[in-house]
Every structure is written in structure tokens, then in C-alpha cells.
Amino acid sequence: MTEHSDDTIDNAIPERLVIGRVTAPHGVRGEFRMYIYSHFPENILQLQQIYIGDDPSPRKLTRARQKDNLIIMRVEGVTSKEMAEELRGELVRIDLEHAAPLDEGEFYHFQLIGLSAFDEAGNELGTVSDIIETGANDVYVIKDAEGKETLIPALEDVVPEIDVENQRITVRPLRYSGEE
């Protein structure tokens, strides 16, 4: 639900969460299409303001409607197709306090990126460097000290404990049955 970092891991709590990316203008009056990253697209339709790109100033959202996996939106100050075209590729963010609340045991990606991963015996495996969304379940990318990556499915049987407060997750290795 948040943007992925390249190779840097920053444990700071972001002020804003990424909810999508501008894909293209829509029409000639400044509307644009935003590909939805958020798992809560219905909340986007209720927003009053958004942040586009690195601009620290919020933009008033004057219109938003959903069409499939896109939101077609208009913001104050963008009045032409050319102005909307300049926004192509920019990330769209919201203030953290406007993010949808999560249920017990659910986490935003920014809360997991940077956590240390340990096996059940207490051996350090590496650090959560990225999260891949597969549709069925997320996959945690664990990078060790040598830079080797291990993919861990985000399933309760495989990741029995996530302790954000202590900055760690516990991983139970998958066992191969050996049948061929």
C-alpha cells in the first residue's frame, strides 16, 4: 500500500502514504487517471486533498470517480490536458491520518520494510527489504548481509510473529516433503 524503496531502508514513519500513480490525462479540462495502489479505493473518493509528486503543498480534490482499477480525478489548479500530462508518472499521496484504519494483525508496508527477520531459533536471516503483492498473499523479500534475497510468503504458518514495536519478524522455514 506504500511505495517501495530501492536499496535503502528507512524506518522513519512517513508523513504520507502513496495511494496511486498518475497514468494519463482524461479529457481536455485537466482531469487525469490515477492507477490505484490502495486496498481501499472507496476511501479515495471521500478525500478532500491529495499530494502529487514531491510537492509539499496539498491539492484540493474537486472530483473523483472510480472506473475499474483507476480513479479519474480533478484537482484545483490543473485546468488543461497539458497540465494533466505534466503529472504523468507522479505518485499520489495522502496524509497518514487519512489512511484507512487496519484490523488487528494487519500492517502497512512501511511498518514492515526494515524489520529484522529471525528464524524460530533466533538466528538472524536478514532484513525485510521489499514486499511483493501477488494477489493471493504478499511475499516478503528478506535481504541478508551479503545481499542475497530470500522470498518468504506472508502466511501465518510461515511468519508466525510480526513485532513492529521491537522491529522484528519471526520466520518458520518451509519444509519440503521430499515426494517426487
N, C-alpha and C. Protein backbone atom coordinates (compact mmCIF):
# COMPACT_ATOMS: atom_id res chain seq x y z
N MET A 1 0.80 -1.18 0.00
CA MET A 1 0.00 0.00 0.00
C MET A 1 0.85 1.26 0.00
N THR A 2 2.16 1.03 0.18
CA THR A 2 3.03 2.18 0.14
C THR A 2 4.08 1.97 -0.92
N GLU A 3 4.78 3.04 -1.25
CA GLU A 3 5.79 2.90 -2.27
C GLU A 3 6.95 2.06 -1.76
N HIS A 4 7.60 1.38 -2.69
CA HIS A 4 8.73 0.54 -2.34
C HIS A 4 10.01 1.34 -2.47
N SER A 5 10.94 1.10 -1.56
CA SER A 5 12.24 1.75 -1.65
C SER A 5 13.13 0.93 -2.57
N ASP A 6 14.19 1.53 -3.11
CA ASP A 6 15.11 0.80 -3.97
C ASP A 6 15.98 -0.08 -3.08
N ASP A 7 17.16 0.39 -2.72
CA ASP A 7 18.03 -0.41 -1.86
C ASP A 7 18.17 0.20 -0.48
N THR A 8 17.55 1.33 -0.26
CA THR A 8 17.67 1.97 1.04
C THR A 8 16.51 1.57 1.92
N ILE A 9 16.80 1.39 3.18
CA ILE A 9 15.76 1.04 4.14
C ILE A 9 15.66 2.17 5.14
N ASP A 10 14.49 2.77 5.21
CA ASP A 10 14.28 3.91 6.09
C ASP A 10 13.16 3.55 7.06
N ASN A 11 13.49 3.44 8.33
CA ASN A 11 12.49 3.04 9.33
C ASN A 11 11.65 4.20 9.83
N ALA A 12 11.85 5.40 9.29
CA ALA A 12 11.07 6.54 9.73
C ALA A 12 9.62 6.37 9.30
N ILE A 13 8.71 6.79 10.14
CA ILE A 13 7.29 6.74 9.80
C ILE A 13 7.01 7.84 8.79
N PRO A 14 6.45 7.48 7.64
CA PRO A 14 6.19 8.52 6.64
C PRO A 14 5.05 9.43 7.08
N GLU A 15 5.11 10.65 6.62
CA GLU A 15 4.01 11.57 6.87
C GLU A 15 2.85 11.28 5.94
N ARG A 16 3.17 10.69 4.78
CA ARG A 16 2.16 10.45 3.77
C ARG A 16 2.29 9.04 3.20
N LEU A 17 1.16 8.50 2.79
CA LEU A 17 1.13 7.18 2.17
C LEU A 17 0.82 7.32 0.69
N VAL A 18 1.47 6.52 -0.12
CA VAL A 18 1.21 6.50 -1.55
C VAL A 18 -0.08 5.72 -1.79
N ILE A 19 -1.00 6.30 -2.55
CA ILE A 19 -2.25 5.62 -2.87
C ILE A 19 -2.38 5.31 -4.36
N GLY A 20 -1.48 5.88 -5.18
CA GLY A 20 -1.56 5.62 -6.61
C GLY A 20 -0.53 6.38 -7.40
N ARG A 21 -0.63 6.24 -8.73
CA ARG A 21 0.28 6.92 -9.65
C ARG A 21 -0.54 7.47 -10.81
N VAL A 22 -0.26 8.72 -11.20
CA VAL A 22 -0.93 9.35 -12.33
C VAL A 22 -0.50 8.62 -13.60
N THR A 23 -1.47 8.18 -14.40
CA THR A 23 -1.14 7.44 -15.62
C THR A 23 -1.31 8.27 -16.89
N ALA A 24 -2.33 9.15 -16.94
CA ALA A 24 -2.58 9.88 -18.18
C ALA A 24 -3.65 10.94 -17.95
N PRO A 25 -3.69 11.96 -18.82
CA PRO A 25 -4.81 12.90 -18.77
C PRO A 25 -6.11 12.18 -19.14
N HIS A 26 -7.22 12.77 -18.75
CA HIS A 26 -8.54 12.25 -19.10
C HIS A 26 -9.36 13.44 -19.58
N GLY A 27 -9.56 13.53 -20.85
CA GLY A 27 -10.28 14.67 -21.40
C GLY A 27 -9.37 15.88 -21.57
N VAL A 28 -9.99 17.04 -21.76
CA VAL A 28 -9.23 18.25 -22.07
C VAL A 28 -9.29 19.31 -20.97
N ARG A 29 -10.00 19.05 -19.88
CA ARG A 29 -10.21 20.07 -18.85
C ARG A 29 -9.37 19.86 -17.59
N GLY A 30 -8.34 19.03 -17.66
CA GLY A 30 -7.45 18.88 -16.51
C GLY A 30 -7.65 17.65 -15.67
N GLU A 31 -8.66 16.84 -15.98
CA GLU A 31 -8.82 15.59 -15.24
C GLU A 31 -7.69 14.65 -15.64
N PHE A 32 -7.37 13.71 -14.73
CA PHE A 32 -6.35 12.71 -15.03
C PHE A 32 -6.74 11.39 -14.41
N ARG A 33 -6.11 10.33 -14.93
CA ARG A 33 -6.33 8.98 -14.41
C ARG A 33 -5.22 8.63 -13.44
N MET A 34 -5.62 7.98 -12.35
CA MET A 34 -4.65 7.53 -11.36
C MET A 34 -4.83 6.03 -11.18
N TYR A 35 -3.75 5.26 -11.37
CA TYR A 35 -3.78 3.83 -11.09
C TYR A 35 -3.78 3.67 -9.57
N ILE A 36 -4.68 2.85 -9.05
CA ILE A 36 -4.88 2.70 -7.61
C ILE A 36 -3.89 1.70 -7.02
N TYR A 37 -3.13 2.13 -6.01
CA TYR A 37 -2.28 1.24 -5.22
C TYR A 37 -2.97 0.82 -3.93
N SER A 38 -3.89 1.63 -3.47
CA SER A 38 -4.56 1.41 -2.19
C SER A 38 -5.48 0.20 -2.25
N HIS A 39 -5.59 -0.50 -1.12
CA HIS A 39 -6.55 -1.58 -0.97
C HIS A 39 -7.93 -1.05 -0.58
N PHE A 40 -8.03 0.27 -0.44
CA PHE A 40 -9.28 0.90 -0.02
C PHE A 40 -9.68 2.00 -1.00
N PRO A 41 -9.96 1.65 -2.27
CA PRO A 41 -10.26 2.69 -3.26
C PRO A 41 -11.49 3.52 -2.92
N GLU A 42 -12.43 2.93 -2.19
CA GLU A 42 -13.64 3.68 -1.82
C GLU A 42 -13.30 4.88 -0.94
N ASN A 43 -12.23 4.78 -0.17
CA ASN A 43 -11.82 5.90 0.68
C ASN A 43 -11.26 7.06 -0.14
N ILE A 44 -10.67 6.76 -1.28
CA ILE A 44 -10.11 7.80 -2.13
C ILE A 44 -11.21 8.76 -2.58
N LEU A 45 -12.38 8.22 -2.85
CA LEU A 45 -13.49 9.04 -3.33
C LEU A 45 -13.97 10.04 -2.29
N GLN A 46 -13.62 9.82 -1.02
CA GLN A 46 -14.05 10.69 0.06
C GLN A 46 -13.01 11.74 0.44
N LEU A 47 -11.83 11.67 -0.16
CA LEU A 47 -10.73 12.57 0.21
C LEU A 47 -11.04 14.02 -0.17
N GLN A 48 -10.50 14.93 0.62
CA GLN A 48 -10.63 16.36 0.34
C GLN A 48 -9.38 16.91 -0.34
N GLN A 49 -8.22 16.28 -0.05
CA GLN A 49 -6.97 16.77 -0.61
C GLN A 49 -6.00 15.62 -0.83
N ILE A 50 -5.07 15.84 -1.77
CA ILE A 50 -4.02 14.87 -2.08
C ILE A 50 -2.72 15.63 -2.30
N TYR A 51 -1.63 14.89 -2.34
CA TYR A 51 -0.32 15.44 -2.67
C TYR A 51 0.14 14.75 -3.95
N ILE A 52 0.67 15.53 -4.87
CA ILE A 52 1.12 14.97 -6.14
C ILE A 52 2.63 15.14 -6.25
N GLY A 53 3.31 14.02 -6.53
CA GLY A 53 4.76 14.06 -6.66
C GLY A 53 5.42 14.50 -5.37
N ASP A 54 6.46 15.30 -5.50
CA ASP A 54 7.20 15.78 -4.33
C ASP A 54 6.70 17.12 -3.82
N ASP A 55 5.61 17.62 -4.38
CA ASP A 55 5.07 18.91 -3.96
C ASP A 55 4.60 18.81 -2.50
N PRO A 56 5.16 19.63 -1.61
CA PRO A 56 4.78 19.56 -0.20
C PRO A 56 3.41 20.18 0.09
N SER A 57 2.86 20.89 -0.89
CA SER A 57 1.56 21.53 -0.69
C SER A 57 0.44 20.62 -1.17
N PRO A 58 -0.60 20.48 -0.37
CA PRO A 58 -1.72 19.64 -0.81
C PRO A 58 -2.49 20.31 -1.94
N ARG A 59 -3.14 19.48 -2.74
CA ARG A 59 -4.03 19.96 -3.79
C ARG A 59 -5.45 19.59 -3.41
N LYS A 60 -6.36 20.53 -3.54
CA LYS A 60 -7.76 20.26 -3.24
C LYS A 60 -8.31 19.34 -4.32
N LEU A 61 -8.90 18.24 -3.89
CA LEU A 61 -9.52 17.29 -4.80
C LEU A 61 -10.94 17.76 -5.06
N THR A 62 -11.24 18.12 -6.31
CA THR A 62 -12.57 18.67 -6.61
C THR A 62 -13.51 17.64 -7.23
N ARG A 63 -12.94 16.53 -7.74
CA ARG A 63 -13.79 15.50 -8.33
C ARG A 63 -13.01 14.19 -8.36
N ALA A 64 -13.70 13.10 -8.04
CA ALA A 64 -13.07 11.78 -8.12
C ALA A 64 -14.15 10.73 -8.35
N ARG A 65 -13.87 9.84 -9.29
CA ARG A 65 -14.78 8.72 -9.54
C ARG A 65 -13.94 7.51 -9.95
N GLN A 66 -14.44 6.34 -9.59
CA GLN A 66 -13.68 5.13 -9.87
C GLN A 66 -14.16 4.48 -11.16
N LYS A 67 -13.21 3.98 -11.93
CA LYS A 67 -13.50 3.20 -13.13
C LYS A 67 -12.51 2.05 -13.16
N ASP A 68 -12.98 0.86 -12.82
CA ASP A 68 -12.14 -0.34 -12.72
C ASP A 68 -11.02 -0.09 -11.71
N ASN A 69 -9.76 -0.25 -12.12
CA ASN A 69 -8.64 -0.07 -11.19
C ASN A 69 -8.04 1.33 -11.29
N LEU A 70 -8.83 2.27 -11.78
CA LEU A 70 -8.40 3.66 -11.91
C LEU A 70 -9.35 4.58 -11.17
N ILE A 71 -8.80 5.71 -10.74
CA ILE A 71 -9.62 6.82 -10.24
C ILE A 71 -9.42 7.95 -11.24
N ILE A 72 -10.52 8.49 -11.72
CA ILE A 72 -10.44 9.68 -12.58
C ILE A 72 -10.69 10.85 -11.66
N MET A 73 -9.72 11.77 -11.62
CA MET A 73 -9.81 12.86 -10.66
C MET A 73 -9.46 14.20 -11.27
N ARG A 74 -9.93 15.22 -10.58
CA ARG A 74 -9.59 16.60 -10.92
C ARG A 74 -9.16 17.28 -9.63
N VAL A 75 -8.09 18.06 -9.74
CA VAL A 75 -7.62 18.81 -8.59
C VAL A 75 -7.58 20.29 -8.94
N GLU A 76 -7.72 21.08 -7.90
CA GLU A 76 -7.66 22.53 -8.08
C GLU A 76 -6.32 22.92 -8.70
N GLY A 77 -6.37 23.81 -9.68
CA GLY A 77 -5.15 24.33 -10.29
C GLY A 77 -4.71 23.60 -11.55
N VAL A 78 -5.30 22.45 -11.84
CA VAL A 78 -4.99 21.72 -13.07
C VAL A 78 -6.20 21.86 -13.98
N THR A 79 -6.04 22.67 -15.02
CA THR A 79 -7.21 23.07 -15.81
C THR A 79 -7.14 22.69 -17.29
N SER A 80 -6.07 22.01 -17.70
CA SER A 80 -5.95 21.65 -19.12
C SER A 80 -5.34 20.26 -19.27
N LYS A 81 -5.52 19.71 -20.45
CA LYS A 81 -4.93 18.41 -20.76
C LYS A 81 -3.40 18.48 -20.63
N GLU A 82 -2.81 19.58 -21.04
CA GLU A 82 -1.36 19.75 -20.98
C GLU A 82 -0.87 19.76 -19.53
N MET A 83 -1.60 20.43 -18.67
CA MET A 83 -1.22 20.46 -17.25
C MET A 83 -1.34 19.06 -16.65
N ALA A 84 -2.39 18.34 -17.02
CA ALA A 84 -2.56 16.97 -16.52
C ALA A 84 -1.46 16.06 -17.06
N GLU A 85 -1.05 16.28 -18.30
CA GLU A 85 0.03 15.49 -18.91
C GLU A 85 1.34 15.65 -18.14
N GLU A 86 1.59 16.84 -17.61
CA GLU A 86 2.81 17.09 -16.83
C GLU A 86 2.86 16.26 -15.55
N LEU A 87 1.71 15.77 -15.11
CA LEU A 87 1.65 14.97 -13.88
C LEU A 87 1.86 13.48 -14.13
N ARG A 88 1.90 13.08 -15.40
CA ARG A 88 2.04 11.66 -15.75
C ARG A 88 3.23 11.05 -15.00
N GLY A 89 2.99 9.90 -14.37
CA GLY A 89 4.04 9.18 -13.66
C GLY A 89 4.24 9.60 -12.22
N GLU A 90 3.63 10.69 -11.80
CA GLU A 90 3.82 11.17 -10.42
C GLU A 90 3.04 10.30 -9.43
N LEU A 91 3.64 10.08 -8.26
CA LEU A 91 2.95 9.37 -7.18
C LEU A 91 1.94 10.30 -6.54
N VAL A 92 0.83 9.73 -6.11
CA VAL A 92 -0.21 10.48 -5.40
C VAL A 92 -0.22 9.98 -3.96
N ARG A 93 -0.16 10.91 -3.03
CA ARG A 93 -0.09 10.57 -1.60
C ARG A 93 -1.23 11.22 -0.83
N ILE A 94 -1.44 10.67 0.36
CA ILE A 94 -2.39 11.26 1.31
C ILE A 94 -1.69 11.38 2.65
N ASP A 95 -2.22 12.26 3.50
CA ASP A 95 -1.71 12.36 4.87
C ASP A 95 -1.98 11.06 5.60
N LEU A 96 -1.05 10.65 6.43
CA LEU A 96 -1.16 9.39 7.15
C LEU A 96 -2.45 9.31 7.97
N GLU A 97 -2.87 10.44 8.54
CA GLU A 97 -4.09 10.39 9.36
C GLU A 97 -5.36 10.15 8.55
N HIS A 98 -5.29 10.27 7.22
CA HIS A 98 -6.45 9.98 6.37
C HIS A 98 -6.46 8.55 5.86
N ALA A 99 -5.46 7.78 6.23
CA ALA A 99 -5.38 6.39 5.79
C ALA A 99 -6.45 5.57 6.51
N ALA A 100 -6.90 4.52 5.83
CA ALA A 100 -7.91 3.64 6.42
C ALA A 100 -7.32 2.90 7.62
N PRO A 101 -8.07 2.80 8.70
CA PRO A 101 -7.57 2.05 9.85
C PRO A 101 -7.49 0.56 9.50
N LEU A 102 -6.51 -0.12 10.07
CA LEU A 102 -6.32 -1.54 9.80
C LEU A 102 -6.83 -2.39 10.95
N ASP A 103 -7.19 -3.62 10.63
CA ASP A 103 -7.62 -4.57 11.64
C ASP A 103 -6.42 -5.11 12.40
N GLU A 104 -6.68 -5.76 13.51
CA GLU A 104 -5.64 -6.41 14.31
C GLU A 104 -4.85 -7.37 13.41
N GLY A 105 -3.54 -7.30 13.49
CA GLY A 105 -2.68 -8.18 12.72
C GLY A 105 -2.43 -7.73 11.29
N GLU A 106 -2.97 -6.58 10.89
CA GLU A 106 -2.71 -6.02 9.58
C GLU A 106 -1.71 -4.87 9.72
N PHE A 107 -0.88 -4.69 8.69
CA PHE A 107 0.15 -3.68 8.75
C PHE A 107 0.27 -2.98 7.40
N TYR A 108 0.67 -1.73 7.44
CA TYR A 108 1.05 -1.04 6.22
C TYR A 108 2.46 -1.49 5.86
N HIS A 109 2.76 -1.47 4.57
CA HIS A 109 4.09 -1.90 4.13
C HIS A 109 5.21 -1.13 4.81
N PHE A 110 5.02 0.18 4.99
CA PHE A 110 6.10 0.97 5.60
C PHE A 110 6.42 0.49 7.01
N GLN A 111 5.47 -0.16 7.67
CA GLN A 111 5.72 -0.67 9.01
C GLN A 111 6.58 -1.93 8.99
N LEU A 112 6.60 -2.64 7.86
CA LEU A 112 7.32 -3.91 7.76
C LEU A 112 8.69 -3.77 7.10
N ILE A 113 8.80 -2.86 6.14
CA ILE A 113 10.09 -2.66 5.47
C ILE A 113 11.11 -2.21 6.53
N GLY A 114 12.23 -2.92 6.57
CA GLY A 114 13.28 -2.58 7.53
C GLY A 114 13.29 -3.44 8.78
N LEU A 115 12.24 -4.25 9.00
CA LEU A 115 12.23 -5.12 10.18
C LEU A 115 13.27 -6.23 10.01
N SER A 116 13.90 -6.61 11.10
CA SER A 116 14.85 -7.72 11.09
C SER A 116 14.07 -9.03 11.12
N ALA A 117 14.53 -9.99 10.33
CA ALA A 117 13.88 -11.30 10.26
C ALA A 117 14.76 -12.33 10.95
N PHE A 118 14.13 -13.15 11.80
CA PHE A 118 14.81 -14.20 12.55
C PHE A 118 14.08 -15.51 12.36
N ASP A 119 14.82 -16.63 12.40
CA ASP A 119 14.14 -17.90 12.41
C ASP A 119 13.70 -18.19 13.85
N GLU A 120 13.00 -19.29 14.05
CA GLU A 120 12.46 -19.59 15.38
C GLU A 120 13.55 -19.90 16.41
N ALA A 121 14.75 -20.22 15.95
CA ALA A 121 15.87 -20.47 16.86
C ALA A 121 16.59 -19.17 17.24
N GLY A 122 16.15 -18.05 16.66
CA GLY A 122 16.75 -16.76 16.98
C GLY A 122 17.89 -16.34 16.07
N ASN A 123 18.15 -17.10 15.01
CA ASN A 123 19.20 -16.76 14.05
C ASN A 123 18.70 -15.66 13.12
N GLU A 124 19.51 -14.61 12.97
CA GLU A 124 19.10 -13.52 12.09
C GLU A 124 19.23 -13.94 10.64
N LEU A 125 18.15 -13.71 9.88
CA LEU A 125 18.10 -14.08 8.46
C LEU A 125 18.38 -12.90 7.55
N GLY A 126 18.12 -11.70 8.03
CA GLY A 126 18.29 -10.51 7.21
C GLY A 126 17.25 -9.47 7.56
N THR A 127 16.94 -8.63 6.58
CA THR A 127 16.02 -7.51 6.78
C THR A 127 14.95 -7.53 5.69
N VAL A 128 13.74 -7.20 6.07
CA VAL A 128 12.67 -7.07 5.07
C VAL A 128 13.01 -5.86 4.22
N SER A 129 13.33 -6.10 2.93
CA SER A 129 13.75 -5.01 2.06
C SER A 129 12.66 -4.59 1.09
N ASP A 130 11.67 -5.46 0.86
CA ASP A 130 10.60 -5.14 -0.07
C ASP A 130 9.44 -6.07 0.20
N ILE A 131 8.29 -5.73 -0.36
CA ILE A 131 7.11 -6.58 -0.26
C ILE A 131 6.51 -6.67 -1.65
N ILE A 132 6.31 -7.89 -2.10
CA ILE A 132 5.72 -8.13 -3.41
C ILE A 132 4.26 -8.52 -3.20
N GLU A 133 3.36 -7.82 -3.87
CA GLU A 133 1.94 -8.15 -3.79
C GLU A 133 1.62 -9.11 -4.94
N THR A 134 1.19 -10.32 -4.60
CA THR A 134 0.93 -11.33 -5.62
C THR A 134 -0.54 -11.52 -5.92
N GLY A 135 -1.39 -10.99 -5.10
CA GLY A 135 -2.83 -11.20 -5.26
C GLY A 135 -3.33 -12.18 -4.22
N ALA A 136 -2.71 -13.37 -4.14
CA ALA A 136 -3.13 -14.36 -3.15
C ALA A 136 -2.64 -13.96 -1.77
N ASN A 137 -1.38 -13.63 -1.65
CA ASN A 137 -0.79 -13.16 -0.40
C ASN A 137 0.47 -12.38 -0.74
N ASP A 138 0.87 -11.52 0.17
CA ASP A 138 2.11 -10.78 -0.04
C ASP A 138 3.30 -11.74 0.12
N VAL A 139 4.43 -11.31 -0.43
CA VAL A 139 5.68 -12.05 -0.28
C VAL A 139 6.71 -11.06 0.25
N TYR A 140 7.34 -11.41 1.37
CA TYR A 140 8.38 -10.56 1.96
C TYR A 140 9.72 -10.91 1.32
N VAL A 141 10.44 -9.88 0.92
CA VAL A 141 11.79 -10.06 0.41
C VAL A 141 12.73 -9.81 1.58
N ILE A 142 13.46 -10.86 1.98
CA ILE A 142 14.42 -10.76 3.08
C ILE A 142 15.81 -10.71 2.48
N LYS A 143 16.54 -9.64 2.76
CA LYS A 143 17.89 -9.48 2.22
C LYS A 143 18.89 -9.68 3.36
N ASP A 144 19.85 -10.62 3.14
CA ASP A 144 20.85 -10.87 4.19
C ASP A 144 22.03 -9.92 4.04
N ALA A 145 23.03 -10.06 4.92
CA ALA A 145 24.17 -9.15 4.97
C ALA A 145 24.98 -9.17 3.68
N GLU A 146 24.97 -10.29 2.95
CA GLU A 146 25.71 -10.38 1.68
C GLU A 146 24.88 -9.89 0.50
N GLY A 147 23.64 -9.51 0.75
CA GLY A 147 22.78 -9.03 -0.33
C GLY A 147 21.93 -10.11 -0.98
N LYS A 148 22.02 -11.35 -0.52
CA LYS A 148 21.21 -12.44 -1.05
C LYS A 148 19.77 -12.25 -0.59
N GLU A 149 18.83 -12.43 -1.53
CA GLU A 149 17.41 -12.25 -1.22
C GLU A 149 16.72 -13.60 -1.07
N THR A 150 15.85 -13.69 -0.09
CA THR A 150 15.01 -14.86 0.13
C THR A 150 13.57 -14.38 0.11
N LEU A 151 12.72 -15.09 -0.60
CA LEU A 151 11.30 -14.73 -0.68
C LEU A 151 10.53 -15.57 0.33
N ILE A 152 9.76 -14.89 1.17
CA ILE A 152 9.00 -15.54 2.24
C ILE A 152 7.52 -15.20 2.06
N PRO A 153 6.66 -16.21 1.87
CA PRO A 153 5.23 -15.90 1.75
C PRO A 153 4.69 -15.37 3.07
N ALA A 154 3.88 -14.33 3.00
CA ALA A 154 3.32 -13.71 4.20
C ALA A 154 2.09 -14.50 4.65
N LEU A 155 2.37 -15.69 5.15
CA LEU A 155 1.33 -16.57 5.66
C LEU A 155 1.60 -16.83 7.13
N GLU A 156 0.56 -16.97 7.93
CA GLU A 156 0.72 -17.14 9.37
C GLU A 156 1.54 -18.38 9.71
N ASP A 157 1.44 -19.44 8.92
CA ASP A 157 2.24 -20.65 9.17
C ASP A 157 3.72 -20.41 8.94
N VAL A 158 4.06 -19.46 8.06
CA VAL A 158 5.45 -19.20 7.71
C VAL A 158 6.01 -18.01 8.50
N VAL A 159 5.16 -17.03 8.77
CA VAL A 159 5.55 -15.85 9.56
C VAL A 159 4.62 -15.80 10.78
N PRO A 160 4.96 -16.59 11.82
CA PRO A 160 4.05 -16.68 12.95
C PRO A 160 4.00 -15.44 13.84
N GLU A 161 5.04 -14.57 13.72
CA GLU A 161 5.04 -13.39 14.59
C GLU A 161 5.61 -12.18 13.86
N ILE A 162 4.87 -11.09 13.97
CA ILE A 162 5.34 -9.78 13.50
C ILE A 162 5.27 -8.85 14.69
N ASP A 163 6.41 -8.33 15.08
CA ASP A 163 6.51 -7.46 16.25
C ASP A 163 7.08 -6.11 15.79
N VAL A 164 6.18 -5.24 15.37
CA VAL A 164 6.60 -3.94 14.84
C VAL A 164 7.29 -3.12 15.93
N GLU A 165 6.79 -3.18 17.14
CA GLU A 165 7.37 -2.40 18.24
C GLU A 165 8.84 -2.74 18.47
N ASN A 166 9.19 -4.03 18.37
CA ASN A 166 10.57 -4.45 18.57
C ASN A 166 11.32 -4.65 17.25
N GLN A 167 10.71 -4.20 16.16
CA GLN A 167 11.35 -4.19 14.84
C GLN A 167 11.83 -5.56 14.37
N ARG A 168 10.96 -6.61 14.52
CA ARG A 168 11.38 -7.94 14.11
C ARG A 168 10.19 -8.79 13.67
N ILE A 169 10.50 -9.75 12.80
CA ILE A 169 9.53 -10.78 12.44
C ILE A 169 10.20 -12.13 12.67
N THR A 170 9.37 -13.13 12.95
CA THR A 170 9.86 -14.49 13.11
C THR A 170 9.39 -15.29 11.91
N VAL A 171 10.33 -16.03 11.30
CA VAL A 171 10.06 -16.81 10.11
C VAL A 171 10.24 -18.28 10.43
N ARG A 172 9.26 -19.08 10.03
CA ARG A 172 9.34 -20.54 10.17
C ARG A 172 9.62 -21.08 8.76
N PRO A 173 10.78 -21.68 8.56
CA PRO A 173 11.13 -22.15 7.21
C PRO A 173 10.11 -23.15 6.67
N LEU A 174 9.88 -23.08 5.37
CA LEU A 174 9.01 -24.05 4.71
C LEU A 174 9.74 -25.39 4.66
N ARG A 175 9.01 -26.44 4.80
CA ARG A 175 9.61 -27.77 4.76
C ARG A 175 9.19 -28.46 3.45
N TYR A 176 10.16 -29.03 2.78
CA TYR A 176 9.92 -29.74 1.54
C TYR A 176 9.56 -31.17 1.89
N SER A 177 8.49 -31.70 1.31
CA SER A 177 8.01 -33.04 1.67
C SER A 177 8.90 -34.14 1.12
N GLY A 178 9.68 -33.87 0.06
CA GLY A 178 10.59 -34.86 -0.48
C GLY A 178 9.95 -35.84 -1.44
N GLU A 179 8.65 -35.78 -1.62
CA GLU A 179 7.98 -36.70 -2.54
C GLU A 179 8.18 -36.21 -3.97
N GLU A 180 8.51 -37.18 -4.84
CA GLU A 180 8.69 -36.84 -6.25
C GLU A 180 7.95 -37.81 -7.10
